[in-house]
């Protein structure tokens, strides 16, 4: 879909209940999925205006209903405790007819948020202390939604962290061998199949009720936390498009997969790829502190499994896509997905070696 002209953006602005007339439109270039603009109106108030990528999020109404339900719940909690309701969570700006978004004549779906003033967004974790603060922010997100009925939420990407199904899809990719690559990755396939029983741990625990169904963010990275520009403290969590029902272990594990690794997920030199237990411990301390006792004992006990299983899941996805002929992930060279898969498998192997230490660490925190 083509990008809108300035005139088209201004026309869309007229659909929303902004507090004044638009005097400035700026493109915001950080997003990888959605096109984003900063809108300023004559009252001085600013807004974030976005085109939601409906190639990925096929039911924009369902996505927006999730976001409104979750942010309204957080806002009520903030108000009940005398906290900042203006900055403590995102606020969806309705259209003039009371909807959560609108569709333009070209079929683009638009939504708007209040701009959270005096905040910044950082992209990289530079220390265990920073990673601990990321953990605390996402733990706090869990705490504020602990009494929210997650079954109410629409599943914006079905089976996103259903590792059991991801493994079944992987076996099908091995069997099909669409790109003729199976013989070249037999060691990687064997590693994954040797760990098949791990793939069902979280899914089965959710189904049995051993783990509670929670609201999950599903993209728990530093860049999705707005920080106060003066104090550098977390203000609110953003990018809620993938908010869904799931397990707290999904969000925890996604952070560990990227933040407790010594190299990027596509580092070709495996000698540079290591699991960093000190980063795991920093994040875990922050996460548990942020949850404020909202997690069950079983959830806390299984935190190391969360990091392990989500990393294994990502290896399965990368290698499965490699076997399918690179049909899902963008690649920059022919073996890009294989390189990605191998980094994840290296991390899984090292997590496995540290698992007893990680379990003892978590046990001591309870």
Protein backbone atom coordinates (compact mmCIF):
# COMPACT_ATOMS: atom_id res chain seq x y z
CA UNK A 1 0.00 0.00 0.00
CA UNK A 2 1.34 3.42 -0.97
CA UNK A 3 2.29 6.02 1.63
CA UNK A 4 -0.22 8.86 2.01
CA UNK A 5 0.35 12.38 0.77
CA UNK A 6 0.38 15.31 3.22
CA UNK A 7 -3.08 16.24 2.01
CA UNK A 8 -4.34 12.72 2.77
CA UNK A 9 -2.81 12.81 6.27
CA UNK A 10 -4.52 16.13 6.96
CA UNK A 11 -7.81 14.72 5.73
CA UNK A 12 -7.51 11.78 8.13
CA UNK A 13 -6.73 14.15 11.01
CA UNK A 14 -10.18 15.60 10.46
CA UNK A 15 -11.69 12.26 11.49
CA UNK A 16 -10.25 12.39 15.04
CA UNK A 17 -11.42 14.30 18.09
CA UNK A 18 -8.26 16.37 18.42
CA UNK A 19 -8.29 19.38 20.76
CA UNK A 20 -7.80 21.96 18.02
CA UNK A 21 -6.89 22.42 14.40
CA UNK A 22 -3.78 20.79 12.96
CA UNK A 23 -0.85 23.17 12.51
CA UNK A 24 2.03 20.73 12.02
CA UNK A 25 2.60 17.17 10.78
CA UNK A 26 5.96 15.42 11.18
CA UNK A 27 6.94 11.93 10.07
CA UNK A 28 8.29 9.80 12.92
CA UNK A 29 10.74 7.26 11.49
CA UNK A 30 11.46 4.76 14.30
CA UNK A 31 8.75 2.18 13.65
CA UNK A 32 9.39 -0.95 11.58
CA UNK A 33 5.75 -2.09 11.26
CA UNK A 34 3.47 0.96 11.29
CA UNK A 35 3.81 4.37 9.61
CA UNK A 36 3.82 7.08 12.31
CA UNK A 37 3.28 10.84 12.40
CA UNK A 38 3.47 13.45 15.16
CA UNK A 39 0.53 15.84 14.94
CA UNK A 40 0.49 19.26 16.63
CA UNK A 41 -2.75 21.24 16.99
CA UNK A 42 -3.24 24.94 17.64
CA UNK A 43 -3.85 24.38 21.37
CA UNK A 44 -0.25 23.14 21.56
CA UNK A 45 -1.25 19.55 22.26
CA UNK A 46 0.49 16.78 20.34
CA UNK A 47 -0.73 13.41 19.14
CA UNK A 48 0.70 10.25 17.61
CA UNK A 49 -1.10 9.27 14.40
CA UNK A 50 -0.41 5.87 12.88
CA UNK A 51 -1.34 3.63 9.99
CA UNK A 52 -1.79 0.15 11.43
CA UNK A 53 -0.19 -2.53 9.24
CA UNK A 54 -3.20 -4.67 8.32
CA UNK A 55 -1.03 -7.12 6.39
CA UNK A 56 0.16 -8.28 9.83
CA UNK A 57 -2.83 -7.27 11.98
CA UNK A 58 -5.74 -8.42 9.87
CA UNK A 59 -8.45 -7.37 12.34
CA UNK A 60 -7.61 -3.78 13.32
CA UNK A 61 -10.82 -3.44 15.32
CA UNK A 62 -9.83 -6.43 17.45
CA UNK A 63 -6.34 -4.98 18.00
CA UNK A 64 -7.73 -1.61 19.03
CA UNK A 65 -10.37 -3.13 21.31
CA UNK A 66 -7.54 -4.97 23.11
CA UNK A 67 -5.52 -1.79 23.51
CA UNK A 68 -8.44 0.25 24.81
CA UNK A 69 -9.49 -2.47 27.27
CA UNK A 70 -5.97 -2.85 28.68
CA UNK A 71 -5.11 0.86 28.86
CA UNK A 72 -8.49 1.73 30.41
CA UNK A 73 -7.86 -0.91 33.08
CA UNK A 74 -4.39 0.44 33.83
CA UNK A 75 -5.72 4.01 33.94
CA UNK A 76 -8.40 3.09 36.48
CA UNK A 77 -5.72 1.51 38.67
CA UNK A 78 -3.55 4.60 38.38
CA UNK A 79 -6.45 6.83 39.37
CA UNK A 80 -7.36 4.62 42.32
CA UNK A 81 -3.83 5.02 43.73
CA UNK A 82 -3.44 8.73 42.95
CA UNK A 83 -0.89 8.12 40.19
CA UNK A 84 -0.40 9.96 36.91
CA UNK A 85 -3.22 8.94 34.58
CA UNK A 86 -1.99 11.21 31.78
CA UNK A 87 1.45 9.64 31.42
CA UNK A 88 1.12 6.26 33.13
CA UNK A 89 -0.44 4.52 30.14
CA UNK A 90 -1.28 5.18 26.51
CA UNK A 91 -4.56 6.93 25.72
CA UNK A 92 -6.38 6.15 22.48
CA UNK A 93 -7.95 9.22 20.86
CA UNK A 94 -11.40 8.37 19.51
CA UNK A 95 -12.71 9.48 16.15
CA UNK A 96 -15.40 12.15 16.08
CA UNK A 97 -18.02 9.39 15.84
CA UNK A 98 -16.62 7.56 18.89
CA UNK A 99 -14.66 4.78 17.15
CA UNK A 100 -11.11 3.60 17.96
CA UNK A 101 -9.86 4.32 14.45
CA UNK A 102 -10.90 4.99 10.88
CA UNK A 103 -10.28 3.68 7.38
CA UNK A 104 -9.36 6.09 4.59
CA UNK A 105 -10.57 5.79 0.96
CA UNK A 106 -7.39 3.86 0.05
CA UNK A 107 -8.14 1.21 2.69
CA UNK A 108 -5.53 2.29 5.24
CA UNK A 109 -6.55 1.93 8.90
CA UNK A 110 -5.58 4.88 11.10
CA UNK A 111 -5.49 5.29 14.87
CA UNK A 112 -4.31 8.05 17.20
CA UNK A 113 -2.88 8.40 20.71
CA UNK A 114 -2.11 11.28 23.02
CA UNK A 115 1.59 12.13 22.78
CA UNK A 116 3.26 11.42 26.13
CA UNK A 117 5.24 14.58 26.74
CA UNK A 118 8.70 14.84 28.34
CA UNK A 119 9.63 11.24 27.58
CA UNK A 120 12.34 9.57 25.55
CA UNK A 121 12.79 6.15 24.00
CA UNK A 122 16.10 4.27 24.15
CA UNK A 123 17.12 1.42 21.86
CA UNK A 124 19.97 -0.42 23.58
CA UNK A 125 20.55 -2.04 26.96
CA UNK A 126 24.01 -0.94 28.11
CA UNK A 127 24.32 -2.56 31.54
CA UNK A 128 22.76 -5.04 34.00
CA UNK A 129 21.32 -2.02 35.85
CA UNK A 130 19.51 -0.83 32.73
CA UNK A 131 18.24 -4.34 32.02
CA UNK A 132 16.95 -4.62 35.60
CA UNK A 133 14.91 -1.47 35.01
CA UNK A 134 13.48 -2.96 31.82
CA UNK A 135 12.50 -6.02 33.85
CA UNK A 136 10.89 -3.88 36.53
CA UNK A 137 8.85 -1.95 33.94
CA UNK A 138 7.49 -5.09 32.30
CA UNK A 139 6.95 -6.68 35.70
CA UNK A 140 4.92 -3.61 36.68
CA UNK A 141 2.88 -4.08 33.49
CA UNK A 142 2.04 -7.59 34.70
CA UNK A 143 1.16 -6.30 38.16
CA UNK A 144 -1.23 -3.65 36.87
CA UNK A 145 -3.04 -6.23 34.73
CA UNK A 146 -2.98 -9.12 37.19
CA UNK A 147 -6.72 -8.72 37.91
CA UNK A 148 -7.68 -8.29 34.24
CA UNK A 149 -9.52 -11.21 32.62
CA UNK A 150 -7.11 -12.04 29.79
CA UNK A 151 -9.65 -14.37 28.15
CA UNK A 152 -11.49 -11.20 27.06
CA UNK A 153 -8.71 -10.32 24.66
CA UNK A 154 -8.64 -10.99 20.93
CA UNK A 155 -5.69 -13.12 19.77
CA UNK A 156 -4.16 -10.68 17.28
CA UNK A 157 -1.57 -13.22 16.04
CA UNK A 158 -3.02 -16.71 16.66
CA UNK A 159 -0.66 -19.24 18.25
CA UNK A 160 2.11 -16.65 18.42
CA UNK A 161 3.89 -18.38 21.31
CA UNK A 162 2.30 -21.80 20.95
CA UNK A 163 5.68 -23.54 20.97
CA UNK A 164 4.02 -26.92 20.70
CA UNK A 165 2.42 -25.93 17.40
CA UNK A 166 5.62 -24.21 16.26
CA UNK A 167 7.43 -27.52 16.75
CA UNK A 168 4.76 -29.42 14.80
CA UNK A 169 5.09 -26.89 11.95
CA UNK A 170 8.86 -27.37 12.08
CA UNK A 171 8.54 -31.15 11.69
CA UNK A 172 6.29 -30.55 8.68
CA UNK A 173 8.94 -28.27 7.17
CA UNK A 174 11.58 -30.97 7.69
CA UNK A 175 9.34 -33.54 6.04
CA UNK A 176 8.51 -31.29 3.09
CA UNK A 177 12.11 -30.09 2.61
CA UNK A 178 10.85 -27.42 0.21
CA UNK A 179 14.24 -25.78 -0.34
CA UNK A 180 16.24 -29.03 -0.37
CA UNK A 181 18.29 -28.00 2.66
CA UNK A 182 17.56 -30.74 5.18
CA UNK A 183 20.77 -32.70 4.57
CA UNK A 184 22.89 -29.61 5.29
CA UNK A 185 21.37 -28.95 8.74
CA UNK A 186 21.01 -32.42 10.23
CA UNK A 187 22.86 -31.44 13.42
CA UNK A 188 20.56 -28.49 14.02
CA UNK A 189 17.47 -30.59 13.34
CA UNK A 190 18.70 -33.25 15.76
CA UNK A 191 19.31 -30.68 18.49
CA UNK A 192 15.74 -29.43 18.17
CA UNK A 193 14.13 -32.88 18.01
CA UNK A 194 16.20 -33.97 21.02
CA UNK A 195 14.55 -31.11 22.95
CA UNK A 196 11.04 -31.72 21.68
CA UNK A 197 9.59 -32.34 25.15
CA UNK A 198 10.48 -28.78 26.20
CA UNK A 199 8.20 -27.29 23.55
CA UNK A 200 4.99 -28.24 25.33
CA UNK A 201 5.91 -27.17 28.88
CA UNK A 202 4.27 -23.73 28.96
CA UNK A 203 1.37 -24.58 26.64
CA UNK A 204 0.45 -27.68 28.65
CA UNK A 205 0.78 -25.80 31.95
CA UNK A 206 -1.62 -23.12 30.67
CA UNK A 207 -4.10 -25.72 29.49
CA UNK A 208 -4.01 -27.58 32.81
CA UNK A 209 -4.30 -24.40 34.86
CA UNK A 210 -0.88 -24.94 36.41
CA UNK A 211 0.00 -21.50 34.99
CA UNK A 212 -2.58 -18.68 34.96
CA UNK A 213 -3.68 -16.99 31.77
CA UNK A 214 -2.21 -13.48 31.74
CA UNK A 215 -2.19 -10.39 29.56
CA UNK A 216 1.06 -10.55 27.60
CA UNK A 217 2.78 -7.76 25.68
CA UNK A 218 4.82 -10.04 23.37
CA UNK A 219 7.47 -7.48 22.39
CA UNK A 220 9.26 -6.77 25.66
CA UNK A 221 12.21 -4.65 24.62
CA UNK A 222 13.66 -1.40 25.95
CA UNK A 223 12.42 0.63 22.97
CA UNK A 224 8.83 -0.15 23.98
CA UNK A 225 9.22 1.69 27.29
CA UNK A 226 8.85 5.47 27.46
CA UNK A 227 11.33 6.95 29.94
CA UNK A 228 11.13 10.28 31.72
CA UNK A 229 13.52 12.67 29.98
CA UNK A 230 14.84 14.00 33.31
CA UNK A 231 14.81 11.05 35.73
CA UNK A 232 15.16 8.25 33.14
CA UNK A 233 12.51 6.31 35.09
CA UNK A 234 9.97 4.19 33.21
CA UNK A 235 6.77 6.12 32.49
CA UNK A 236 4.65 3.71 30.47
CA UNK A 237 4.71 0.72 28.16
CA UNK A 238 3.95 1.33 24.48
CA UNK A 239 3.47 -0.68 21.26
CA UNK A 240 0.51 -2.71 22.48
CA UNK A 241 -0.53 -4.15 19.10
CA UNK A 242 0.50 -7.66 20.15
CA UNK A 243 -1.21 -7.59 23.55
CA UNK A 244 -2.88 -10.99 23.83
CA UNK A 245 -3.80 -13.69 26.31
CA UNK A 246 -0.84 -15.91 27.22
CA UNK A 247 1.71 -16.58 29.95
CA UNK A 248 3.90 -14.15 31.86
CA UNK A 249 6.73 -16.52 30.91
CA UNK A 250 6.35 -15.45 27.28
CA UNK A 251 7.15 -11.83 28.04
CA UNK A 252 9.91 -12.73 30.47
CA UNK A 253 11.45 -15.19 28.01
CA UNK A 254 11.35 -12.78 25.08
CA UNK A 255 13.37 -10.23 27.06
CA UNK A 256 15.92 -12.83 28.16
CA UNK A 257 16.36 -14.16 24.62
CA UNK A 258 17.64 -10.81 23.38
CA UNK A 259 18.86 -8.99 26.49
CA UNK A 260 20.86 -11.80 28.08
CA UNK A 261 22.79 -12.55 24.89
CA UNK A 262 26.29 -11.27 24.16
CA UNK A 263 25.66 -10.71 20.44
CA UNK A 264 22.95 -9.93 17.91
CA UNK A 265 20.65 -12.73 16.82
CA UNK A 266 22.32 -12.81 13.40
CA UNK A 267 25.95 -12.84 14.56
CA UNK A 268 27.73 -15.26 12.17
CA UNK A 269 30.68 -15.93 14.52
CA UNK A 270 29.32 -18.27 17.18
CA UNK A 271 32.41 -17.71 19.31
CA UNK A 272 30.93 -14.28 20.05
CA UNK A 273 27.54 -15.68 21.05
CA UNK A 274 27.05 -16.43 24.73
CA UNK A 275 24.28 -16.50 27.29
CA UNK A 276 24.96 -13.92 30.01
CA UNK A 277 23.77 -15.19 33.41
CA UNK A 278 24.46 -11.85 35.09
CA UNK A 279 22.00 -10.18 32.71
CA UNK A 280 19.43 -12.89 33.40
CA UNK A 281 19.81 -12.28 37.12
CA UNK A 282 19.54 -8.50 36.78
CA UNK A 283 16.39 -8.71 34.68
CA UNK A 284 14.85 -11.33 36.96
CA UNK A 285 15.37 -9.19 40.05
CA UNK A 286 13.77 -6.22 38.33
CA UNK A 287 10.90 -8.26 36.90
CA UNK A 288 9.98 -9.87 40.23
CA UNK A 289 10.22 -6.50 41.98
CA UNK A 290 7.93 -4.96 39.37
CA UNK A 291 5.30 -7.68 39.68
CA UNK A 292 4.93 -6.84 43.37
CA UNK A 293 3.92 -10.38 44.33
CA UNK A 294 1.36 -10.73 41.52
CA UNK A 295 2.96 -13.88 40.09
CA UNK A 296 2.13 -17.32 41.42
CA UNK A 297 4.86 -19.44 42.98
CA UNK A 298 4.76 -21.71 39.93
CA UNK A 299 5.29 -18.79 37.55
CA UNK A 300 8.32 -17.59 39.48
CA UNK A 301 9.70 -21.13 39.64
CA UNK A 302 9.41 -21.48 35.85
CA UNK A 303 11.03 -18.17 34.89
CA UNK A 304 14.24 -19.90 33.72
CA UNK A 305 12.06 -22.15 31.56
CA UNK A 306 10.53 -19.06 29.97
CA UNK A 307 13.89 -17.79 28.72
CA UNK A 308 14.91 -21.25 27.57
CA UNK A 309 11.67 -22.13 25.76
CA UNK A 310 11.17 -18.81 23.96
CA UNK A 311 14.77 -18.95 22.71
CA UNK A 312 14.25 -22.52 21.52
CA UNK A 313 11.01 -21.47 19.87
CA UNK A 314 12.78 -18.73 17.93
CA UNK A 315 15.44 -21.19 16.78
CA UNK A 316 12.65 -23.45 15.55
CA UNK A 317 11.04 -20.59 13.66
CA UNK A 318 14.28 -19.45 12.03
CA UNK A 319 15.34 -22.95 10.99
CA UNK A 320 11.84 -23.82 9.80
CA UNK A 321 11.81 -20.74 7.59
CA UNK A 322 15.26 -21.68 6.25
CA UNK A 323 13.95 -25.11 5.31
CA UNK A 324 10.87 -23.57 3.67
CA UNK A 325 13.05 -21.37 1.46
CA UNK A 326 12.98 -18.14 3.52
CA UNK A 327 9.33 -17.30 2.95
CA UNK A 328 8.61 -15.45 6.23
CA UNK A 329 11.61 -13.53 7.59
CA UNK A 330 13.38 -10.90 5.54
CA UNK A 331 16.93 -12.05 4.72
CA UNK A 332 20.00 -10.15 3.56
CA UNK A 333 21.89 -13.19 2.25
CA UNK A 334 21.05 -16.86 1.49
CA UNK A 335 22.00 -18.38 4.88
CA UNK A 336 20.73 -15.53 7.03
CA UNK A 337 18.00 -17.62 8.68
CA UNK A 338 20.43 -20.45 9.31
CA UNK A 339 22.83 -18.03 11.03
CA UNK A 340 19.95 -16.76 13.17
CA UNK A 341 18.91 -20.30 14.08
CA UNK A 342 22.42 -21.24 15.10
CA UNK A 343 22.78 -18.25 17.43
CA UNK A 344 19.57 -19.23 19.18
CA UNK A 345 20.63 -22.85 19.51
CA UNK A 346 23.96 -21.75 20.98
CA UNK A 347 22.08 -19.70 23.57
CA UNK A 348 19.77 -22.63 24.38
CA UNK A 349 22.74 -24.92 24.91
CA UNK A 350 24.41 -22.43 27.26
CA UNK A 351 21.16 -21.76 29.14
CA UNK A 352 20.88 -25.50 29.64
CA UNK A 353 24.37 -25.58 31.14
CA UNK A 354 23.46 -22.78 33.57
CA UNK A 355 19.97 -24.05 34.38
CA UNK A 356 20.70 -25.38 37.87
CA UNK A 357 22.34 -22.07 38.82
CA UNK A 358 19.43 -20.09 37.40
CA UNK A 359 16.89 -22.18 39.29
CA UNK A 360 18.77 -21.72 42.55
CA UNK A 361 18.97 -17.99 41.94
CA UNK A 362 15.22 -17.70 41.36
CA UNK A 363 14.47 -19.91 44.35
CA UNK A 364 16.50 -17.58 46.59
CA UNK A 365 14.46 -14.59 45.42
CA UNK A 366 11.10 -16.07 46.46
